[in-house]
Amino acid sequence: MKKTRLDLMPVLFPTPVVLVTCKDPSSQPNIITIAWTGVVNSKPPMIGISIQPIRYSHKLIRASGEFGVNIPTREMLRVTDYCGSISGRRVNKFETTGLTAFQGEKIAAPLIEECPVNLECKVRHFLTLGMHDLFIGEILAVHADKDIVDDTGHIVPEKMDPVAFFSRPLEYWSLREKIGTYGFTQGKL
């Protein structure tokens, strides 16, 4: 198949869409939609989120050293998009969206009740990259709705209906079906 060369851009797909919650002692809590996120370490479990320094949440996370990662569902797409398109400097996003804040166990920043999975994170590393800064947070606690967890204590993805983001042309996508399991080839084609 013929290839064509594209302009440089981040085209890794899919990238998960998450709602990051943050708060410093002098501010109201905030929510920012992030698609530049991913697992960066297994033990201890760590996740990375990239945020532009001009964003309000960047300041809050730098000051507090912590953040929550809340995984929204497809049903939450309107409020998810809204939280990424308006600044928390001017608007209390919990109030305007009607999302319910709940307090976790390990961080001061609230988590979002409507999201089926919530991660409490403490910033362990910070890296300036260019347009974005990378916050690497150690996951200190994980919360999940009981109805999406199976008998073995694992999350059942099809019960969550998470959202993915495609950076060009700036689209949200649904992830709906399992197509295999890790190691199903047992190392053989």
N, C-alpha and C. Protein backbone atom coordinates (compact mmCIF):
# COMPACT_ATOMS: atom_id res chain seq x y z
N MET A 1 0.84 -1.18 0.00
CA MET A 1 0.00 0.00 0.00
C MET A 1 0.88 1.24 0.00
N LYS A 2 0.50 2.24 -0.78
CA LYS A 2 1.25 3.48 -0.83
C LYS A 2 1.05 4.30 0.42
N LYS A 3 2.11 4.95 0.87
CA LYS A 3 2.07 5.83 2.03
C LYS A 3 2.16 7.27 1.57
N THR A 4 1.66 8.17 2.38
CA THR A 4 1.83 9.59 2.15
C THR A 4 2.40 10.19 3.41
N ARG A 5 3.24 11.18 3.26
CA ARG A 5 3.85 11.81 4.43
C ARG A 5 2.95 12.94 4.92
N LEU A 6 2.72 12.96 6.23
CA LEU A 6 1.86 13.95 6.86
C LEU A 6 2.70 14.96 7.63
N ASP A 7 2.09 16.09 7.96
CA ASP A 7 2.73 17.05 8.84
C ASP A 7 2.94 16.39 10.20
N LEU A 8 3.95 16.84 10.93
CA LEU A 8 4.19 16.31 12.27
C LEU A 8 3.02 16.67 13.17
N MET A 9 2.48 15.67 13.81
CA MET A 9 1.36 15.86 14.73
C MET A 9 1.23 14.62 15.59
N PRO A 10 0.64 14.75 16.77
CA PRO A 10 0.45 13.56 17.61
C PRO A 10 -0.76 12.77 17.13
N VAL A 11 -0.53 11.66 16.44
CA VAL A 11 -1.64 10.87 15.89
C VAL A 11 -1.81 9.53 16.57
N LEU A 12 -1.23 9.36 17.75
CA LEU A 12 -1.43 8.12 18.47
C LEU A 12 -2.92 7.97 18.79
N PHE A 13 -3.49 6.82 18.46
CA PHE A 13 -4.92 6.62 18.66
C PHE A 13 -5.17 5.23 19.18
N PRO A 14 -6.05 5.01 20.11
CA PRO A 14 -6.82 6.05 20.78
C PRO A 14 -6.08 6.59 21.98
N THR A 15 -6.40 7.79 22.37
CA THR A 15 -5.94 8.31 23.65
C THR A 15 -7.16 8.42 24.54
N PRO A 16 -7.04 7.99 25.79
CA PRO A 16 -8.20 8.05 26.66
C PRO A 16 -8.56 9.49 27.00
N VAL A 17 -9.83 9.74 27.15
CA VAL A 17 -10.31 11.05 27.60
C VAL A 17 -10.62 10.91 29.08
N VAL A 18 -10.02 11.80 29.89
CA VAL A 18 -10.24 11.78 31.33
C VAL A 18 -10.61 13.17 31.82
N LEU A 19 -11.28 13.19 32.95
CA LEU A 19 -11.57 14.44 33.64
C LEU A 19 -10.63 14.51 34.84
N VAL A 20 -9.72 15.47 34.82
CA VAL A 20 -8.76 15.63 35.91
C VAL A 20 -9.31 16.66 36.89
N THR A 21 -9.35 16.28 38.16
CA THR A 21 -9.81 17.19 39.20
C THR A 21 -8.61 17.65 40.00
N CYS A 22 -8.68 18.91 40.43
CA CYS A 22 -7.57 19.48 41.17
C CYS A 22 -8.08 20.62 42.06
N LYS A 23 -7.26 20.94 43.05
CA LYS A 23 -7.62 22.01 43.98
C LYS A 23 -6.37 22.36 44.76
N ASP A 24 -6.13 23.66 44.95
CA ASP A 24 -5.10 24.03 45.90
C ASP A 24 -5.81 24.66 47.10
N PRO A 25 -5.13 24.82 48.21
CA PRO A 25 -5.80 25.28 49.43
C PRO A 25 -6.52 26.62 49.30
N SER A 26 -6.11 27.45 48.35
CA SER A 26 -6.71 28.78 48.22
C SER A 26 -7.75 28.88 47.12
N SER A 27 -8.16 27.77 46.53
CA SER A 27 -9.07 27.86 45.38
C SER A 27 -10.24 26.90 45.51
N GLN A 28 -11.22 27.14 44.64
CA GLN A 28 -12.32 26.18 44.50
C GLN A 28 -11.81 25.01 43.66
N PRO A 29 -12.42 23.85 43.77
CA PRO A 29 -11.98 22.72 42.95
C PRO A 29 -12.23 22.99 41.47
N ASN A 30 -11.45 22.34 40.63
CA ASN A 30 -11.58 22.52 39.19
C ASN A 30 -11.57 21.16 38.49
N ILE A 31 -12.11 21.17 37.26
CA ILE A 31 -12.13 19.99 36.40
C ILE A 31 -11.56 20.41 35.05
N ILE A 32 -10.63 19.63 34.52
CA ILE A 32 -10.10 19.87 33.18
C ILE A 32 -10.16 18.56 32.40
N THR A 33 -10.57 18.64 31.15
CA THR A 33 -10.59 17.47 30.27
C THR A 33 -9.20 17.31 29.67
N ILE A 34 -8.68 16.10 29.75
CA ILE A 34 -7.33 15.81 29.26
C ILE A 34 -7.39 14.57 28.36
N ALA A 35 -6.73 14.66 27.21
CA ALA A 35 -6.58 13.49 26.36
C ALA A 35 -5.10 13.09 26.27
N TRP A 36 -4.21 13.96 26.69
CA TRP A 36 -2.79 13.63 26.69
C TRP A 36 -2.50 12.96 28.03
N THR A 37 -2.81 11.69 28.12
CA THR A 37 -2.66 10.93 29.36
C THR A 37 -2.35 9.47 29.06
N GLY A 38 -1.77 8.80 30.03
CA GLY A 38 -1.52 7.39 29.86
C GLY A 38 -0.76 6.79 31.03
N VAL A 39 -0.76 5.47 31.10
CA VAL A 39 -0.02 4.74 32.10
C VAL A 39 1.47 4.88 31.78
N VAL A 40 2.28 5.17 32.80
CA VAL A 40 3.72 5.32 32.58
C VAL A 40 4.54 4.35 33.42
N ASN A 41 3.93 3.68 34.40
CA ASN A 41 4.66 2.72 35.23
C ASN A 41 3.68 1.76 35.88
N SER A 42 4.13 0.52 36.12
CA SER A 42 3.28 -0.49 36.73
C SER A 42 3.44 -0.57 38.25
N LYS A 43 4.68 -0.63 38.73
CA LYS A 43 4.93 -0.73 40.17
C LYS A 43 6.00 0.26 40.56
N PRO A 44 5.69 1.30 41.29
CA PRO A 44 4.35 1.65 41.74
C PRO A 44 3.51 2.12 40.55
N PRO A 45 2.19 1.97 40.62
CA PRO A 45 1.36 2.39 39.49
C PRO A 45 1.41 3.91 39.32
N MET A 46 1.71 4.35 38.09
CA MET A 46 1.80 5.78 37.80
C MET A 46 1.12 6.10 36.48
N ILE A 47 0.58 7.31 36.44
CA ILE A 47 -0.08 7.81 35.25
C ILE A 47 0.49 9.18 34.93
N GLY A 48 0.58 9.50 33.66
CA GLY A 48 1.07 10.81 33.24
C GLY A 48 -0.05 11.62 32.61
N ILE A 49 -0.07 12.91 32.93
CA ILE A 49 -0.99 13.84 32.27
C ILE A 49 -0.19 15.04 31.79
N SER A 50 -0.46 15.50 30.58
CA SER A 50 0.24 16.66 30.04
C SER A 50 -0.74 17.82 29.95
N ILE A 51 -0.29 18.97 30.48
CA ILE A 51 -1.13 20.17 30.52
C ILE A 51 -0.29 21.36 30.10
N GLN A 52 -0.88 22.24 29.31
CA GLN A 52 -0.21 23.48 28.94
C GLN A 52 -0.08 24.38 30.16
N PRO A 53 1.08 25.02 30.35
CA PRO A 53 1.28 25.89 31.51
C PRO A 53 0.28 27.05 31.61
N ILE A 54 -0.34 27.44 30.52
CA ILE A 54 -1.30 28.55 30.57
C ILE A 54 -2.65 28.13 31.16
N ARG A 55 -2.86 26.83 31.28
CA ARG A 55 -4.15 26.35 31.80
C ARG A 55 -4.23 26.54 33.30
N TYR A 56 -5.39 26.88 33.79
CA TYR A 56 -5.65 27.13 35.20
C TYR A 56 -5.33 25.89 36.05
N SER A 57 -5.68 24.72 35.58
CA SER A 57 -5.44 23.49 36.33
C SER A 57 -3.95 23.23 36.54
N HIS A 58 -3.13 23.65 35.59
CA HIS A 58 -1.68 23.50 35.71
C HIS A 58 -1.21 24.17 37.01
N LYS A 59 -1.65 25.38 37.22
CA LYS A 59 -1.29 26.14 38.43
C LYS A 59 -1.75 25.41 39.69
N LEU A 60 -2.98 24.90 39.68
CA LEU A 60 -3.52 24.22 40.85
C LEU A 60 -2.75 22.94 41.19
N ILE A 61 -2.41 22.17 40.17
CA ILE A 61 -1.68 20.92 40.38
C ILE A 61 -0.25 21.21 40.85
N ARG A 62 0.38 22.23 40.28
CA ARG A 62 1.73 22.61 40.72
C ARG A 62 1.71 23.00 42.19
N ALA A 63 0.69 23.75 42.61
CA ALA A 63 0.61 24.23 43.99
C ALA A 63 0.28 23.11 44.97
N SER A 64 -0.60 22.19 44.58
CA SER A 64 -1.06 21.15 45.51
C SER A 64 -0.24 19.86 45.45
N GLY A 65 0.35 19.59 44.29
CA GLY A 65 1.11 18.35 44.13
C GLY A 65 0.26 17.10 44.04
N GLU A 66 -1.00 17.27 43.62
CA GLU A 66 -1.89 16.12 43.52
C GLU A 66 -3.00 16.40 42.51
N PHE A 67 -3.65 15.30 42.08
CA PHE A 67 -4.78 15.43 41.16
C PHE A 67 -5.57 14.13 41.16
N GLY A 68 -6.82 14.23 40.74
CA GLY A 68 -7.67 13.07 40.55
C GLY A 68 -7.85 12.82 39.06
N VAL A 69 -7.90 11.56 38.67
CA VAL A 69 -8.19 11.19 37.29
C VAL A 69 -9.51 10.43 37.33
N ASN A 70 -10.49 10.96 36.61
CA ASN A 70 -11.85 10.42 36.60
C ASN A 70 -12.16 10.01 35.16
N ILE A 71 -12.56 8.77 34.97
CA ILE A 71 -12.80 8.27 33.61
C ILE A 71 -14.28 8.41 33.28
N PRO A 72 -14.60 9.32 32.35
CA PRO A 72 -16.01 9.54 31.99
C PRO A 72 -16.52 8.48 31.02
N THR A 73 -17.84 8.43 30.90
CA THR A 73 -18.49 7.52 29.96
C THR A 73 -18.96 8.30 28.74
N ARG A 74 -19.35 7.56 27.75
CA ARG A 74 -19.92 8.17 26.54
C ARG A 74 -21.13 9.04 26.88
N GLU A 75 -21.93 8.59 27.83
CA GLU A 75 -23.11 9.34 28.26
C GLU A 75 -22.73 10.72 28.82
N MET A 76 -21.50 10.87 29.28
CA MET A 76 -21.04 12.12 29.88
C MET A 76 -20.31 13.02 28.87
N LEU A 77 -20.40 12.72 27.59
CA LEU A 77 -19.59 13.43 26.60
C LEU A 77 -19.82 14.94 26.59
N ARG A 78 -21.06 15.40 26.72
CA ARG A 78 -21.33 16.85 26.70
C ARG A 78 -20.61 17.57 27.84
N VAL A 79 -20.72 17.06 29.07
CA VAL A 79 -20.05 17.73 30.19
C VAL A 79 -18.54 17.55 30.09
N THR A 80 -18.09 16.44 29.54
CA THR A 80 -16.66 16.21 29.36
C THR A 80 -16.09 17.24 28.40
N ASP A 81 -16.74 17.45 27.27
CA ASP A 81 -16.28 18.45 26.31
C ASP A 81 -16.33 19.85 26.93
N TYR A 82 -17.40 20.15 27.63
CA TYR A 82 -17.55 21.46 28.27
C TYR A 82 -16.39 21.74 29.23
N CYS A 83 -16.02 20.77 30.03
CA CYS A 83 -14.95 20.97 31.02
C CYS A 83 -13.59 21.22 30.38
N GLY A 84 -13.45 20.87 29.12
CA GLY A 84 -12.20 21.13 28.41
C GLY A 84 -12.23 22.38 27.57
N SER A 85 -13.39 23.00 27.47
CA SER A 85 -13.50 24.16 26.57
C SER A 85 -13.79 25.47 27.29
N ILE A 86 -13.83 25.45 28.62
CA ILE A 86 -14.06 26.67 29.39
C ILE A 86 -13.12 26.66 30.59
N SER A 87 -12.62 27.81 30.97
CA SER A 87 -11.64 27.90 32.05
C SER A 87 -12.29 27.91 33.42
N GLY A 88 -11.67 27.21 34.35
CA GLY A 88 -12.11 27.22 35.74
C GLY A 88 -11.75 28.50 36.47
N ARG A 89 -11.00 29.37 35.82
CA ARG A 89 -10.69 30.67 36.43
C ARG A 89 -11.98 31.48 36.61
N ARG A 90 -12.91 31.28 35.69
CA ARG A 90 -14.14 32.09 35.69
C ARG A 90 -15.39 31.32 36.10
N VAL A 91 -15.33 30.01 36.07
CA VAL A 91 -16.53 29.20 36.25
C VAL A 91 -16.24 28.05 37.21
N ASN A 92 -17.17 27.79 38.12
CA ASN A 92 -17.09 26.59 38.95
C ASN A 92 -17.74 25.46 38.15
N LYS A 93 -16.92 24.58 37.60
CA LYS A 93 -17.43 23.56 36.69
C LYS A 93 -18.29 22.51 37.38
N PHE A 94 -18.06 22.27 38.67
CA PHE A 94 -18.96 21.37 39.39
C PHE A 94 -20.37 21.95 39.43
N GLU A 95 -20.47 23.24 39.68
CA GLU A 95 -21.79 23.88 39.73
C GLU A 95 -22.46 23.93 38.36
N THR A 96 -21.72 24.34 37.34
CA THR A 96 -22.33 24.52 36.02
C THR A 96 -22.70 23.20 35.35
N THR A 97 -21.94 22.13 35.63
CA THR A 97 -22.23 20.85 34.99
C THR A 97 -23.19 19.99 35.80
N GLY A 98 -23.29 20.27 37.08
CA GLY A 98 -24.11 19.42 37.95
C GLY A 98 -23.40 18.15 38.38
N LEU A 99 -22.10 18.03 38.06
CA LEU A 99 -21.35 16.85 38.49
C LEU A 99 -21.20 16.87 40.01
N THR A 100 -21.16 15.68 40.59
CA THR A 100 -21.12 15.54 42.04
C THR A 100 -19.70 15.26 42.51
N ALA A 101 -19.19 16.14 43.37
CA ALA A 101 -17.86 15.93 43.94
C ALA A 101 -17.97 14.99 45.14
N PHE A 102 -16.99 14.09 45.26
CA PHE A 102 -16.89 13.30 46.49
C PHE A 102 -15.43 13.26 46.92
N GLN A 103 -15.23 13.12 48.21
CA GLN A 103 -13.88 13.13 48.76
C GLN A 103 -13.29 11.73 48.77
N GLY A 104 -12.11 11.61 48.23
CA GLY A 104 -11.40 10.34 48.25
C GLY A 104 -10.75 10.12 49.61
N GLU A 105 -9.76 9.26 49.61
CA GLU A 105 -9.09 8.89 50.86
C GLU A 105 -7.70 9.49 51.00
N LYS A 106 -7.05 9.82 49.89
CA LYS A 106 -5.63 10.17 49.93
C LYS A 106 -5.30 11.59 49.49
N ILE A 107 -6.19 12.26 48.75
CA ILE A 107 -5.89 13.60 48.26
C ILE A 107 -7.01 14.57 48.64
N ALA A 108 -6.67 15.86 48.64
CA ALA A 108 -7.66 16.89 48.98
C ALA A 108 -8.56 17.23 47.80
N ALA A 109 -8.07 17.05 46.58
CA ALA A 109 -8.88 17.34 45.40
C ALA A 109 -10.06 16.38 45.36
N PRO A 110 -11.24 16.87 44.99
CA PRO A 110 -12.40 15.98 44.92
C PRO A 110 -12.32 15.06 43.71
N LEU A 111 -13.13 14.02 43.75
CA LEU A 111 -13.30 13.11 42.62
C LEU A 111 -14.73 13.29 42.11
N ILE A 112 -15.06 12.68 40.98
CA ILE A 112 -16.36 12.87 40.34
C ILE A 112 -17.19 11.60 40.46
N GLU A 113 -18.29 11.70 41.18
CA GLU A 113 -19.18 10.55 41.46
C GLU A 113 -19.70 9.91 40.18
N GLU A 114 -20.06 10.70 39.18
CA GLU A 114 -20.67 10.16 37.95
C GLU A 114 -19.69 9.36 37.10
N CYS A 115 -18.40 9.53 37.30
CA CYS A 115 -17.40 8.75 36.56
C CYS A 115 -17.27 7.37 37.21
N PRO A 116 -17.31 6.31 36.43
CA PRO A 116 -17.29 4.97 37.00
C PRO A 116 -15.95 4.56 37.61
N VAL A 117 -14.86 5.24 37.23
CA VAL A 117 -13.54 4.93 37.78
C VAL A 117 -12.87 6.25 38.17
N ASN A 118 -12.23 6.23 39.34
CA ASN A 118 -11.56 7.42 39.86
C ASN A 118 -10.20 7.01 40.43
N LEU A 119 -9.17 7.78 40.11
CA LEU A 119 -7.82 7.51 40.59
C LEU A 119 -7.34 8.72 41.40
N GLU A 120 -6.81 8.45 42.58
CA GLU A 120 -6.21 9.52 43.39
C GLU A 120 -4.71 9.48 43.16
N CYS A 121 -4.13 10.62 42.76
CA CYS A 121 -2.73 10.66 42.36
C CYS A 121 -1.94 11.74 43.08
N LYS A 122 -0.71 11.41 43.43
CA LYS A 122 0.25 12.34 44.02
C LYS A 122 1.36 12.56 43.00
N VAL A 123 1.67 13.83 42.70
CA VAL A 123 2.71 14.14 41.72
C VAL A 123 4.06 13.66 42.24
N ARG A 124 4.71 12.82 41.47
CA ARG A 124 6.05 12.31 41.83
C ARG A 124 7.13 12.91 40.95
N HIS A 125 6.77 13.28 39.71
CA HIS A 125 7.74 13.85 38.78
C HIS A 125 7.05 14.92 37.95
N PHE A 126 7.83 15.89 37.55
CA PHE A 126 7.33 16.98 36.71
C PHE A 126 8.38 17.23 35.64
N LEU A 127 7.93 17.37 34.40
CA LEU A 127 8.86 17.55 33.29
C LEU A 127 8.31 18.58 32.32
N THR A 128 9.11 19.61 32.03
CA THR A 128 8.74 20.59 31.02
C THR A 128 9.14 20.04 29.66
N LEU A 129 8.16 19.98 28.74
CA LEU A 129 8.40 19.35 27.44
C LEU A 129 8.47 20.34 26.29
N GLY A 130 7.76 21.41 26.33
CA GLY A 130 7.62 22.36 25.23
C GLY A 130 6.30 23.06 25.42
N MET A 131 5.34 22.73 24.57
CA MET A 131 4.00 23.32 24.70
C MET A 131 3.27 22.82 25.94
N HIS A 132 3.60 21.62 26.39
CA HIS A 132 2.96 21.00 27.55
C HIS A 132 4.00 20.66 28.62
N ASP A 133 3.52 20.56 29.85
CA ASP A 133 4.32 20.02 30.95
C ASP A 133 3.70 18.69 31.35
N LEU A 134 4.56 17.74 31.70
CA LEU A 134 4.11 16.40 32.07
C LEU A 134 4.15 16.25 33.59
N PHE A 135 2.99 15.92 34.15
CA PHE A 135 2.88 15.58 35.56
C PHE A 135 2.79 14.06 35.65
N ILE A 136 3.70 13.44 36.36
CA ILE A 136 3.62 12.00 36.57
C ILE A 136 3.14 11.79 38.00
N GLY A 137 1.98 11.17 38.11
CA GLY A 137 1.38 10.96 39.41
C GLY A 137 1.36 9.50 39.80
N GLU A 138 1.75 9.23 41.03
CA GLU A 138 1.61 7.88 41.56
C GLU A 138 0.16 7.68 41.98
N ILE A 139 -0.43 6.58 41.55
CA ILE A 139 -1.81 6.27 41.91
C ILE A 139 -1.82 5.74 43.34
N LEU A 140 -2.48 6.48 44.22
CA LEU A 140 -2.53 6.12 45.64
C LEU A 140 -3.79 5.34 46.01
N ALA A 141 -4.86 5.54 45.25
CA ALA A 141 -6.13 4.83 45.51
C ALA A 141 -6.93 4.78 44.22
N VAL A 142 -7.67 3.69 44.05
CA VAL A 142 -8.55 3.50 42.88
C VAL A 142 -9.95 3.22 43.41
N HIS A 143 -10.93 3.91 42.85
CA HIS A 143 -12.34 3.70 43.20
C HIS A 143 -13.08 3.32 41.93
N ALA A 144 -14.03 2.40 42.02
CA ALA A 144 -14.83 2.00 40.86
C ALA A 144 -16.25 1.69 41.30
N ASP A 145 -17.20 2.01 40.42
CA ASP A 145 -18.59 1.65 40.67
C ASP A 145 -18.69 0.13 40.77
N LYS A 146 -19.43 -0.36 41.74
CA LYS A 146 -19.55 -1.81 41.96
C LYS A 146 -20.11 -2.54 40.74
N ASP A 147 -21.00 -1.88 39.99
CA ASP A 147 -21.64 -2.57 38.87
C ASP A 147 -20.75 -2.74 37.64
N ILE A 148 -19.53 -2.20 37.66
CA ILE A 148 -18.61 -2.41 36.53
C ILE A 148 -17.45 -3.33 36.91
N VAL A 149 -17.47 -3.86 38.14
CA VAL A 149 -16.40 -4.72 38.62
C VAL A 149 -16.90 -6.16 38.66
N ASP A 150 -16.08 -7.09 38.12
CA ASP A 150 -16.49 -8.50 38.11
C ASP A 150 -16.13 -9.18 39.44
N ASP A 151 -16.41 -10.47 39.53
CA ASP A 151 -16.19 -11.24 40.76
C ASP A 151 -14.71 -11.34 41.16
N THR A 152 -13.81 -11.12 40.20
CA THR A 152 -12.38 -11.21 40.50
C THR A 152 -11.78 -9.85 40.88
N GLY A 153 -12.62 -8.81 40.89
CA GLY A 153 -12.13 -7.48 41.26
C GLY A 153 -11.55 -6.70 40.09
N HIS A 154 -11.88 -7.11 38.87
CA HIS A 154 -11.40 -6.40 37.67
C HIS A 154 -12.53 -5.60 37.04
N ILE A 155 -12.16 -4.47 36.46
CA ILE A 155 -13.13 -3.62 35.77
C ILE A 155 -13.51 -4.28 34.45
N VAL A 156 -14.80 -4.28 34.13
CA VAL A 156 -15.32 -4.82 32.88
C VAL A 156 -15.52 -3.64 31.93
N PRO A 157 -14.63 -3.44 30.95
CA PRO A 157 -14.67 -2.24 30.10
C PRO A 157 -16.00 -1.99 29.40
N GLU A 158 -16.64 -3.06 28.90
CA GLU A 158 -17.88 -2.83 28.15
C GLU A 158 -19.01 -2.33 29.05
N LYS A 159 -18.85 -2.43 30.34
CA LYS A 159 -19.85 -1.88 31.26
C LYS A 159 -19.60 -0.40 31.54
N MET A 160 -18.43 0.12 31.15
CA MET A 160 -18.10 1.53 31.38
C MET A 160 -18.42 2.41 30.19
N ASP A 161 -18.16 1.93 29.00
CA ASP A 161 -18.30 2.71 27.77
C ASP A 161 -17.43 3.97 27.80
N PRO A 162 -16.10 3.81 27.90
CA PRO A 162 -15.21 4.97 27.94
C PRO A 162 -15.13 5.69 26.60
N VAL A 163 -14.53 6.86 26.63
CA VAL A 163 -14.40 7.71 25.44
C VAL A 163 -12.92 7.83 25.07
N ALA A 164 -12.63 7.84 23.79
CA ALA A 164 -11.28 8.05 23.28
C ALA A 164 -11.26 9.32 22.44
N PHE A 165 -10.05 9.83 22.22
CA PHE A 165 -9.89 11.07 21.45
C PHE A 165 -8.92 10.81 20.30
N PHE A 166 -9.24 11.36 19.16
CA PHE A 166 -8.36 11.31 17.99
C PHE A 166 -7.94 12.75 17.71
N SER A 167 -6.63 13.01 17.79
CA SER A 167 -6.14 14.39 17.76
C SER A 167 -6.33 15.12 16.43
N ARG A 168 -6.39 14.40 15.35
CA ARG A 168 -6.66 15.05 14.07
C ARG A 168 -7.66 14.19 13.34
N PRO A 169 -8.85 14.65 13.20
CA PRO A 169 -9.37 16.02 13.21
C PRO A 169 -10.14 16.41 14.48
N LEU A 170 -9.59 16.19 15.67
CA LEU A 170 -10.19 16.59 16.94
C LEU A 170 -11.56 15.96 17.15
N GLU A 171 -11.58 14.62 17.24
CA GLU A 171 -12.84 13.89 17.36
C GLU A 171 -12.84 12.97 18.57
N TYR A 172 -14.02 12.79 19.16
CA TYR A 172 -14.23 11.80 20.22
C TYR A 172 -14.71 10.51 19.57
N TRP A 173 -14.26 9.38 20.12
CA TRP A 173 -14.67 8.08 19.60
C TRP A 173 -15.09 7.17 20.75
N SER A 174 -15.95 6.25 20.45
CA SER A 174 -16.41 5.26 21.42
C SER A 174 -15.57 4.00 21.28
N LEU A 175 -15.34 3.32 22.39
CA LEU A 175 -14.66 2.02 22.39
C LEU A 175 -15.65 1.00 22.92
N ARG A 176 -16.09 0.08 22.09
CA ARG A 176 -17.22 -0.76 22.48
C ARG A 176 -16.97 -2.24 22.62
N GLU A 177 -16.05 -2.84 21.87
CA GLU A 177 -16.01 -4.29 21.92
C GLU A 177 -14.60 -4.83 22.12
N LYS A 178 -14.52 -5.97 22.79
CA LYS A 178 -13.26 -6.68 22.97
C LYS A 178 -12.96 -7.44 21.68
N ILE A 179 -11.69 -7.39 21.26
CA ILE A 179 -11.32 -8.10 20.03
C ILE A 179 -10.23 -9.14 20.28
N GLY A 180 -9.78 -9.28 21.51
CA GLY A 180 -8.77 -10.27 21.85
C GLY A 180 -8.33 -10.08 23.29
N THR A 181 -7.47 -10.96 23.76
CA THR A 181 -6.88 -10.85 25.09
C THR A 181 -5.38 -10.92 24.99
N TYR A 182 -4.69 -10.31 25.93
CA TYR A 182 -3.22 -10.32 25.93
C TYR A 182 -2.72 -11.75 25.93
N GLY A 183 -1.80 -12.04 25.02
CA GLY A 183 -1.18 -13.35 24.93
C GLY A 183 -2.00 -14.40 24.20
N PHE A 184 -3.06 -14.00 23.51
CA PHE A 184 -3.92 -14.99 22.84
C PHE A 184 -3.19 -15.74 21.75
N THR A 185 -2.10 -15.17 21.23
CA THR A 185 -1.32 -15.88 20.21
C THR A 185 -0.32 -16.86 20.83
N GLN A 186 -0.12 -16.76 22.14
CA GLN A 186 0.87 -17.54 22.88
C GLN A 186 2.23 -17.48 22.18
N GLY A 187 2.53 -16.28 21.66
CA GLY A 187 3.83 -16.06 21.03
C GLY A 187 3.99 -16.67 19.66
N LYS A 188 2.89 -17.16 19.03
CA LYS A 188 2.97 -17.80 17.71
C LYS A 188 1.98 -17.12 16.78
N LEU A 189 2.40 -16.94 15.55
CA LEU A 189 1.50 -16.41 14.53
C LEU A 189 0.83 -17.56 13.85
